[in-house]
Amino acid sequence: MPNIRSAKKRVLVTETKTMQNKAFKTSYKTICKKFEAACEAGNKEEATAAYTPAIKKIDVAVSKGIIHKNTGARKKSRYTKMLAAL
């Protein structure tokens, strides 16, 4: 544990940010899995409804730096192709 007051604060801030990132990443994964499950089941209505939130969540994750921008672009492209294939 650090001795300097500013270093102690940084430890607390890092813990808080880590928890926020973990919570966001969990919700991001859940939404993506929901879309993928709808596509695998062949349910076009459910997949269409889950597509927009999944794409939005990917964009937010990229802007927050939780996932890399190329990963986000790749996922969006794959999801668009999956939806078009239904």
N, C-alpha and C. Protein backbone atom coordinates (compact mmCIF):
# COMPACT_ATOMS: atom_id res chain seq x y z
N MET A 1 0.85 -1.18 0.00
CA MET A 1 0.00 0.00 0.00
C MET A 1 0.90 1.24 0.00
N PRO A 2 0.54 2.22 -0.85
CA PRO A 2 1.38 3.41 -0.93
C PRO A 2 1.28 4.29 0.31
N ASN A 3 2.30 5.09 0.52
CA ASN A 3 2.34 6.00 1.66
C ASN A 3 1.89 7.42 1.31
N ILE A 4 2.12 7.82 0.07
CA ILE A 4 1.81 9.18 -0.35
C ILE A 4 0.30 9.30 -0.60
N ARG A 5 -0.27 10.44 -0.20
CA ARG A 5 -1.70 10.63 -0.28
C ARG A 5 -2.24 10.54 -1.71
N SER A 6 -1.52 11.13 -2.66
CA SER A 6 -1.98 11.10 -4.06
C SER A 6 -1.92 9.67 -4.62
N ALA A 7 -0.92 8.92 -4.19
CA ALA A 7 -0.82 7.53 -4.64
C ALA A 7 -1.94 6.69 -4.04
N LYS A 8 -2.32 6.98 -2.80
CA LYS A 8 -3.44 6.27 -2.18
C LYS A 8 -4.73 6.55 -2.95
N LYS A 9 -4.90 7.81 -3.34
CA LYS A 9 -6.09 8.18 -4.10
C LYS A 9 -6.11 7.47 -5.45
N ARG A 10 -4.96 7.38 -6.09
CA ARG A 10 -4.89 6.70 -7.39
C ARG A 10 -5.30 5.23 -7.25
N VAL A 11 -4.92 4.60 -6.16
CA VAL A 11 -5.29 3.20 -5.94
C VAL A 11 -6.82 3.09 -5.85
N LEU A 12 -7.45 3.99 -5.11
CA LEU A 12 -8.90 3.97 -4.98
C LEU A 12 -9.60 4.24 -6.31
N VAL A 13 -9.09 5.21 -7.06
CA VAL A 13 -9.68 5.55 -8.35
C VAL A 13 -9.53 4.38 -9.32
N THR A 14 -8.38 3.73 -9.31
CA THR A 14 -8.15 2.59 -10.19
C THR A 14 -9.11 1.45 -9.88
N GLU A 15 -9.33 1.19 -8.60
CA GLU A 15 -10.28 0.14 -8.22
C GLU A 15 -11.68 0.47 -8.70
N THR A 16 -12.09 1.73 -8.56
CA THR A 16 -13.42 2.15 -9.00
C THR A 16 -13.56 2.00 -10.50
N LYS A 17 -12.58 2.48 -11.24
CA LYS A 17 -12.63 2.39 -12.70
C LYS A 17 -12.61 0.94 -13.17
N THR A 18 -11.86 0.08 -12.49
CA THR A 18 -11.81 -1.33 -12.85
C THR A 18 -13.18 -1.97 -12.70
N MET A 19 -13.88 -1.64 -11.62
CA MET A 19 -15.22 -2.18 -11.41
C MET A 19 -16.20 -1.66 -12.46
N GLN A 20 -16.08 -0.39 -12.82
CA GLN A 20 -16.96 0.17 -13.85
C GLN A 20 -16.71 -0.50 -15.19
N ASN A 21 -15.44 -0.69 -15.55
CA ASN A 21 -15.10 -1.34 -16.81
C ASN A 21 -15.60 -2.78 -16.82
N LYS A 22 -15.45 -3.48 -15.69
CA LYS A 22 -15.89 -4.87 -15.61
C LYS A 22 -17.41 -4.96 -15.78
N ALA A 23 -18.14 -4.06 -15.15
CA ALA A 23 -19.60 -4.06 -15.27
C ALA A 23 -20.02 -3.76 -16.71
N PHE A 24 -19.37 -2.81 -17.35
CA PHE A 24 -19.71 -2.48 -18.73
C PHE A 24 -19.40 -3.64 -19.65
N LYS A 25 -18.24 -4.26 -19.45
CA LYS A 25 -17.83 -5.37 -20.31
C LYS A 25 -18.79 -6.55 -20.17
N THR A 26 -19.28 -6.79 -18.96
CA THR A 26 -20.23 -7.86 -18.73
C THR A 26 -21.53 -7.60 -19.49
N SER A 27 -22.04 -6.38 -19.41
CA SER A 27 -23.28 -6.06 -20.12
C SER A 27 -23.07 -6.10 -21.63
N TYR A 28 -21.90 -5.68 -22.08
CA TYR A 28 -21.55 -5.73 -23.51
C TYR A 28 -21.55 -7.16 -24.02
N LYS A 29 -20.94 -8.06 -23.26
CA LYS A 29 -20.90 -9.47 -23.66
C LYS A 29 -22.29 -10.09 -23.66
N THR A 30 -23.11 -9.73 -22.68
CA THR A 30 -24.47 -10.26 -22.59
C THR A 30 -25.30 -9.86 -23.80
N ILE A 31 -25.22 -8.59 -24.18
CA ILE A 31 -25.99 -8.12 -25.33
C ILE A 31 -25.52 -8.79 -26.62
N CYS A 32 -24.21 -8.96 -26.76
CA CYS A 32 -23.68 -9.61 -27.96
C CYS A 32 -24.10 -11.07 -28.03
N LYS A 33 -24.07 -11.76 -26.89
CA LYS A 33 -24.49 -13.16 -26.86
C LYS A 33 -25.98 -13.29 -27.18
N LYS A 34 -26.79 -12.33 -26.75
CA LYS A 34 -28.22 -12.35 -27.03
C LYS A 34 -28.46 -12.27 -28.53
N PHE A 35 -27.72 -11.37 -29.20
CA PHE A 35 -27.84 -11.25 -30.66
C PHE A 35 -27.38 -12.52 -31.36
N GLU A 36 -26.23 -13.05 -30.95
CA GLU A 36 -25.70 -14.26 -31.58
C GLU A 36 -26.64 -15.44 -31.40
N ALA A 37 -27.25 -15.56 -30.22
CA ALA A 37 -28.18 -16.65 -29.96
C ALA A 37 -29.42 -16.53 -30.86
N ALA A 38 -29.90 -15.32 -31.05
CA ALA A 38 -31.06 -15.10 -31.91
C ALA A 38 -30.73 -15.47 -33.36
N CYS A 39 -29.52 -15.15 -33.79
CA CYS A 39 -29.11 -15.49 -35.15
C CYS A 39 -28.97 -17.00 -35.33
N GLU A 40 -28.39 -17.66 -34.35
CA GLU A 40 -28.23 -19.11 -34.43
C GLU A 40 -29.58 -19.82 -34.44
N ALA A 41 -30.55 -19.27 -33.69
CA ALA A 41 -31.87 -19.87 -33.65
C ALA A 41 -32.65 -19.59 -34.93
N GLY A 42 -32.19 -18.63 -35.71
CA GLY A 42 -32.86 -18.28 -36.96
C GLY A 42 -34.05 -17.38 -36.76
N ASN A 43 -34.13 -16.73 -35.61
CA ASN A 43 -35.25 -15.85 -35.29
C ASN A 43 -34.92 -14.44 -35.79
N LYS A 44 -35.45 -14.09 -36.97
CA LYS A 44 -35.09 -12.81 -37.58
C LYS A 44 -35.63 -11.62 -36.80
N GLU A 45 -36.84 -11.72 -36.26
CA GLU A 45 -37.42 -10.59 -35.52
C GLU A 45 -36.60 -10.28 -34.27
N GLU A 46 -36.27 -11.34 -33.54
CA GLU A 46 -35.50 -11.16 -32.30
C GLU A 46 -34.09 -10.66 -32.61
N ALA A 47 -33.50 -11.18 -33.69
CA ALA A 47 -32.15 -10.76 -34.08
C ALA A 47 -32.15 -9.29 -34.50
N THR A 48 -33.18 -8.89 -35.23
CA THR A 48 -33.27 -7.50 -35.66
C THR A 48 -33.42 -6.57 -34.47
N ALA A 49 -34.21 -7.00 -33.48
CA ALA A 49 -34.39 -6.18 -32.28
C ALA A 49 -33.11 -6.10 -31.46
N ALA A 50 -32.30 -7.16 -31.46
CA ALA A 50 -31.07 -7.19 -30.66
C ALA A 50 -29.88 -6.59 -31.40
N TYR A 51 -30.02 -6.37 -32.71
CA TYR A 51 -28.90 -5.87 -33.52
C TYR A 51 -28.49 -4.45 -33.13
N THR A 52 -29.46 -3.54 -33.07
CA THR A 52 -29.15 -2.14 -32.79
C THR A 52 -28.48 -1.93 -31.43
N PRO A 53 -29.01 -2.53 -30.34
CA PRO A 53 -28.31 -2.36 -29.05
C PRO A 53 -26.90 -2.96 -29.06
N ALA A 54 -26.72 -4.07 -29.79
CA ALA A 54 -25.39 -4.69 -29.84
C ALA A 54 -24.39 -3.77 -30.54
N ILE A 55 -24.79 -3.19 -31.66
CA ILE A 55 -23.91 -2.29 -32.40
C ILE A 55 -23.60 -1.05 -31.57
N LYS A 56 -24.61 -0.51 -30.90
CA LYS A 56 -24.40 0.67 -30.07
C LYS A 56 -23.44 0.36 -28.92
N LYS A 57 -23.60 -0.80 -28.30
CA LYS A 57 -22.74 -1.19 -27.18
C LYS A 57 -21.30 -1.37 -27.66
N ILE A 58 -21.13 -1.90 -28.86
CA ILE A 58 -19.78 -2.06 -29.43
C ILE A 58 -19.15 -0.69 -29.64
N ASP A 59 -19.91 0.25 -30.18
CA ASP A 59 -19.38 1.60 -30.41
C ASP A 59 -18.97 2.27 -29.11
N VAL A 60 -19.78 2.11 -28.07
CA VAL A 60 -19.45 2.71 -26.77
C VAL A 60 -18.20 2.05 -26.19
N ALA A 61 -18.10 0.72 -26.33
CA ALA A 61 -16.92 0.01 -25.82
C ALA A 61 -15.65 0.47 -26.52
N VAL A 62 -15.75 0.72 -27.82
CA VAL A 62 -14.59 1.22 -28.56
C VAL A 62 -14.23 2.62 -28.09
N SER A 63 -15.23 3.48 -27.90
CA SER A 63 -14.94 4.86 -27.50
C SER A 63 -14.37 4.93 -26.08
N LYS A 64 -14.76 3.99 -25.22
CA LYS A 64 -14.24 3.96 -23.86
C LYS A 64 -12.88 3.27 -23.78
N GLY A 65 -12.47 2.62 -24.87
CA GLY A 65 -11.18 1.93 -24.88
C GLY A 65 -11.23 0.55 -24.24
N ILE A 66 -12.43 0.01 -24.10
CA ILE A 66 -12.56 -1.32 -23.49
C ILE A 66 -12.20 -2.40 -24.50
N ILE A 67 -12.56 -2.18 -25.77
CA ILE A 67 -12.10 -3.07 -26.84
C ILE A 67 -11.40 -2.22 -27.89
N HIS A 68 -10.55 -2.85 -28.67
CA HIS A 68 -9.79 -2.15 -29.71
C HIS A 68 -10.73 -1.77 -30.84
N LYS A 69 -10.42 -0.70 -31.56
CA LYS A 69 -11.31 -0.22 -32.61
C LYS A 69 -11.42 -1.23 -33.76
N ASN A 70 -10.36 -1.94 -34.06
CA ASN A 70 -10.44 -2.94 -35.13
C ASN A 70 -11.30 -4.12 -34.70
N THR A 71 -11.25 -4.48 -33.44
CA THR A 71 -12.11 -5.54 -32.92
C THR A 71 -13.57 -5.12 -33.03
N GLY A 72 -13.85 -3.89 -32.68
CA GLY A 72 -15.21 -3.38 -32.79
C GLY A 72 -15.69 -3.38 -34.23
N ALA A 73 -14.86 -2.95 -35.15
CA ALA A 73 -15.22 -2.92 -36.56
C ALA A 73 -15.46 -4.33 -37.08
N ARG A 74 -14.62 -5.26 -36.67
CA ARG A 74 -14.77 -6.65 -37.10
C ARG A 74 -16.08 -7.25 -36.60
N LYS A 75 -16.39 -7.01 -35.32
CA LYS A 75 -17.63 -7.53 -34.76
C LYS A 75 -18.85 -6.93 -35.44
N LYS A 76 -18.84 -5.62 -35.68
CA LYS A 76 -19.96 -4.98 -36.34
C LYS A 76 -20.16 -5.54 -37.75
N SER A 77 -19.08 -5.77 -38.45
CA SER A 77 -19.16 -6.33 -39.78
C SER A 77 -19.74 -7.74 -39.75
N ARG A 78 -19.27 -8.55 -38.82
CA ARG A 78 -19.77 -9.93 -38.71
C ARG A 78 -21.24 -9.96 -38.34
N TYR A 79 -21.64 -9.08 -37.43
CA TYR A 79 -23.03 -9.06 -37.00
C TYR A 79 -23.94 -8.60 -38.15
N THR A 80 -23.47 -7.66 -38.95
CA THR A 80 -24.26 -7.21 -40.09
C THR A 80 -24.44 -8.34 -41.11
N LYS A 81 -23.37 -9.08 -41.35
CA LYS A 81 -23.45 -10.23 -42.27
C LYS A 81 -24.36 -11.32 -41.73
N MET A 82 -24.28 -11.55 -40.41
CA MET A 82 -25.15 -12.57 -39.80
C MET A 82 -26.62 -12.18 -39.95
N LEU A 83 -26.91 -10.90 -39.75
CA LEU A 83 -28.31 -10.44 -39.86
C LEU A 83 -28.79 -10.52 -41.29
N ALA A 84 -27.93 -10.17 -42.23
CA ALA A 84 -28.31 -10.21 -43.66
C ALA A 84 -28.53 -11.65 -44.14
N ALA A 85 -27.82 -12.59 -43.52
CA ALA A 85 -27.93 -13.99 -43.94
C ALA A 85 -29.24 -14.63 -43.48
N LEU A 86 -29.92 -14.03 -42.52
CA LEU A 86 -31.18 -14.62 -42.03
C LEU A 86 -32.30 -14.44 -43.04
